[in-house]
């Protein structure tokens, strides 16, 4: 039996600067009809930046929907016509002020498959050099240098709870230990 649903009709419900919300009518595998509401997202790149001392470069920033400050891996949305790698290079420079001569793509994660087509493309960035911060006009960040062990302890204690960051730190732990 096929599990595939077939789109019958699609409507744009909201057209925002970042997100687009759609509502589709679909035919289910058993022939019945249903509605699917979902968010179109341009995708994002997430950077696990490792400095020459072996520490991670992270950013602290206020996140309006949850009304609090979070410690996160540098990341940002992929602009139209931009590759995930180009985005990673741009976001690392904008958010941390660093450039990396070595980028390695390690994973693509789909964080919200029930209601969004968002994809997060993860990179490890090494051989960093300071180039000067170039944050976006509406972006206010603090740079934080932290060991992977300390960051993982913050995950364990609930101090780091951002999903993209938790996933990235677990990827980093496995890759940097040589077990993956």
Protein backbone atom coordinates (compact mmCIF):
# COMPACT_ATOMS: atom_id res chain seq x y z
CA UNK A 1 0.00 0.00 0.00
CA UNK A 2 1.27 3.46 -0.90
CA UNK A 3 1.41 6.02 1.89
CA UNK A 4 1.61 8.94 -0.52
CA UNK A 5 -0.93 11.75 -0.33
CA UNK A 6 -1.88 13.60 -3.53
CA UNK A 7 -2.40 17.36 -3.63
CA UNK A 8 -5.74 18.38 -5.07
CA UNK A 9 -5.63 22.10 -4.39
CA UNK A 10 -3.26 24.53 -2.71
CA UNK A 11 -3.78 28.01 -1.29
CA UNK A 12 -1.33 30.55 0.08
CA UNK A 13 -2.75 31.56 3.48
CA UNK A 14 0.06 33.89 4.62
CA UNK A 15 2.94 35.42 2.67
CA UNK A 16 5.51 36.84 5.11
CA UNK A 17 9.05 38.05 4.75
CA UNK A 18 10.48 34.76 6.05
CA UNK A 19 7.63 32.27 6.17
CA UNK A 20 4.88 31.31 3.78
CA UNK A 21 1.90 29.34 5.09
CA UNK A 22 -0.05 27.07 2.74
CA UNK A 23 -3.26 25.08 3.13
CA UNK A 24 -3.67 22.17 0.74
CA UNK A 25 -6.50 19.77 0.21
CA UNK A 26 -5.15 16.26 -0.34
CA UNK A 27 -6.39 12.83 -1.28
CA UNK A 28 -5.33 10.26 1.30
CA UNK A 29 -4.10 6.75 0.41
CA UNK A 30 -7.58 5.36 1.22
CA UNK A 31 -9.27 7.87 -1.10
CA UNK A 32 -10.64 10.18 1.59
CA UNK A 33 -9.95 13.92 1.57
CA UNK A 34 -8.09 15.94 4.19
CA UNK A 35 -6.40 19.31 4.67
CA UNK A 36 -2.70 19.92 5.30
CA UNK A 37 -1.41 23.23 6.63
CA UNK A 38 2.32 23.79 6.45
CA UNK A 39 5.05 26.39 6.43
CA UNK A 40 7.40 26.95 3.52
CA UNK A 41 10.83 27.96 4.81
CA UNK A 42 13.92 28.79 2.72
CA UNK A 43 16.17 26.53 4.81
CA UNK A 44 19.16 27.48 6.90
CA UNK A 45 22.81 26.70 7.43
CA UNK A 46 24.17 25.88 10.89
CA UNK A 47 27.85 26.29 11.64
CA UNK A 48 29.89 24.33 14.18
CA UNK A 49 32.88 26.66 14.25
CA UNK A 50 35.96 25.32 16.02
CA UNK A 51 38.71 27.78 16.88
CA UNK A 52 42.45 26.94 17.07
CA UNK A 53 42.10 26.20 20.82
CA UNK A 54 39.50 23.51 20.07
CA UNK A 55 36.62 25.57 21.47
CA UNK A 56 33.32 26.30 19.78
CA UNK A 57 32.25 29.77 18.70
CA UNK A 58 28.63 30.26 19.73
CA UNK A 59 26.29 33.24 19.90
CA UNK A 60 23.93 34.45 22.57
CA UNK A 61 20.83 36.21 21.31
CA UNK A 62 17.32 37.16 22.35
CA UNK A 63 14.54 35.16 20.70
CA UNK A 64 11.27 37.06 20.65
CA UNK A 65 8.77 34.15 20.37
CA UNK A 66 10.03 32.67 23.67
CA UNK A 67 10.90 36.03 25.28
CA UNK A 68 14.37 34.98 26.39
CA UNK A 69 18.02 34.80 25.46
CA UNK A 70 19.49 31.58 24.06
CA UNK A 71 23.02 30.27 23.52
CA UNK A 72 23.15 28.92 19.97
CA UNK A 73 25.39 27.75 17.18
CA UNK A 74 25.74 30.44 14.51
CA UNK A 75 23.10 29.95 11.82
CA UNK A 76 20.96 31.76 9.33
CA UNK A 77 18.49 31.39 6.52
CA UNK A 78 19.58 30.60 3.02
CA UNK A 79 18.95 33.57 0.73
CA UNK A 80 17.45 33.12 -2.78
CA UNK A 81 20.12 31.89 -5.20
CA UNK A 82 22.53 31.11 -2.36
CA UNK A 83 23.95 27.65 -1.70
CA UNK A 84 23.98 26.28 1.85
CA UNK A 85 27.80 26.62 1.89
CA UNK A 86 27.66 30.25 0.73
CA UNK A 87 25.11 30.88 3.47
CA UNK A 88 27.34 29.20 6.09
CA UNK A 89 30.32 31.35 5.09
CA UNK A 90 28.23 34.54 5.18
CA UNK A 91 26.53 33.75 8.50
CA UNK A 92 29.80 32.79 10.23
CA UNK A 93 31.28 36.16 9.23
CA UNK A 94 28.14 38.17 10.07
CA UNK A 95 27.46 36.57 13.43
CA UNK A 96 30.93 35.88 14.83
CA UNK A 97 33.32 38.03 12.84
CA UNK A 98 35.30 34.96 11.77
CA UNK A 99 36.02 33.30 8.45
CA UNK A 100 37.05 29.69 7.98
CA UNK A 101 39.29 28.25 5.30
CA UNK A 102 37.86 24.74 5.85
CA UNK A 103 34.16 23.92 5.73
CA UNK A 104 32.83 20.37 5.80
CA UNK A 105 29.15 19.60 5.28
CA UNK A 106 28.11 16.95 7.80
CA UNK A 107 24.32 16.58 7.80
CA UNK A 108 20.93 17.82 6.74
CA UNK A 109 18.18 17.75 9.35
CA UNK A 110 14.46 18.42 8.87
CA UNK A 111 13.42 19.80 12.30
CA UNK A 112 9.65 20.14 11.91
CA UNK A 113 8.42 17.55 9.39
CA UNK A 114 4.81 17.70 10.59
CA UNK A 115 4.27 21.32 9.60
CA UNK A 116 7.28 22.72 7.73
CA UNK A 117 9.59 21.97 4.81
CA UNK A 118 12.52 23.62 6.63
CA UNK A 119 15.92 21.97 6.29
CA UNK A 120 19.02 22.70 8.33
CA UNK A 121 22.33 22.03 6.63
CA UNK A 122 25.15 21.57 9.16
CA UNK A 123 28.79 22.44 8.56
CA UNK A 124 31.97 22.11 10.61
CA UNK A 125 34.15 25.17 10.08
CA UNK A 126 37.85 25.06 11.01
CA UNK A 127 41.03 27.07 10.47
CA UNK A 128 39.35 30.27 11.58
CA UNK A 129 40.70 33.79 11.22
CA UNK A 130 39.18 36.95 12.63
CA UNK A 131 37.77 39.20 9.91
CA UNK A 132 35.47 41.59 11.81
CA UNK A 133 31.80 41.27 12.68
CA UNK A 134 29.18 42.33 10.14
CA UNK A 135 25.85 41.68 11.87
CA UNK A 136 22.58 42.49 10.16
CA UNK A 137 20.98 45.81 11.12
CA UNK A 138 18.30 44.18 13.30
CA UNK A 139 20.58 41.53 14.82
CA UNK A 140 22.14 41.86 18.27
CA UNK A 141 24.50 39.07 19.32
CA UNK A 142 27.17 38.27 21.88
CA UNK A 143 29.97 35.90 20.90
CA UNK A 144 30.74 33.08 23.32
CA UNK A 145 33.77 30.78 23.19
CA UNK A 146 33.04 27.49 24.95
CA UNK A 147 34.41 23.97 25.08
CA UNK A 148 32.32 21.22 23.56
CA UNK A 149 32.23 19.48 26.96
CA UNK A 150 30.86 22.58 28.68
CA UNK A 151 28.27 23.09 25.94
CA UNK A 152 27.12 19.46 26.25
CA UNK A 153 26.83 19.89 30.02
CA UNK A 154 24.63 22.92 29.38
CA UNK A 155 22.42 20.72 27.18
CA UNK A 156 22.21 18.12 29.97
CA UNK A 157 21.21 20.80 32.50
CA UNK A 158 18.65 22.39 30.17
CA UNK A 159 20.61 25.63 29.76
CA UNK A 160 20.92 25.00 26.01
CA UNK A 161 17.56 23.92 24.60
CA UNK A 162 17.55 25.25 21.03
CA UNK A 163 16.90 22.23 18.81
CA UNK A 164 19.33 23.11 16.02
CA UNK A 165 22.08 23.71 18.57
CA UNK A 166 21.43 20.51 20.54
CA UNK A 167 21.50 18.48 17.30
CA UNK A 168 24.67 20.21 16.16
CA UNK A 169 26.45 19.64 19.46
CA UNK A 170 25.60 15.92 19.38
CA UNK A 171 26.88 15.72 15.79
CA UNK A 172 30.05 17.56 16.83
CA UNK A 173 30.64 15.23 19.78
CA UNK A 174 30.52 12.14 17.58
CA UNK A 175 32.54 13.59 14.71
CA UNK A 176 35.25 15.21 16.81
CA UNK A 177 35.68 12.06 18.91
CA UNK A 178 36.25 10.09 15.71
CA UNK A 179 33.33 7.73 16.34
CA UNK A 180 31.54 8.93 13.15
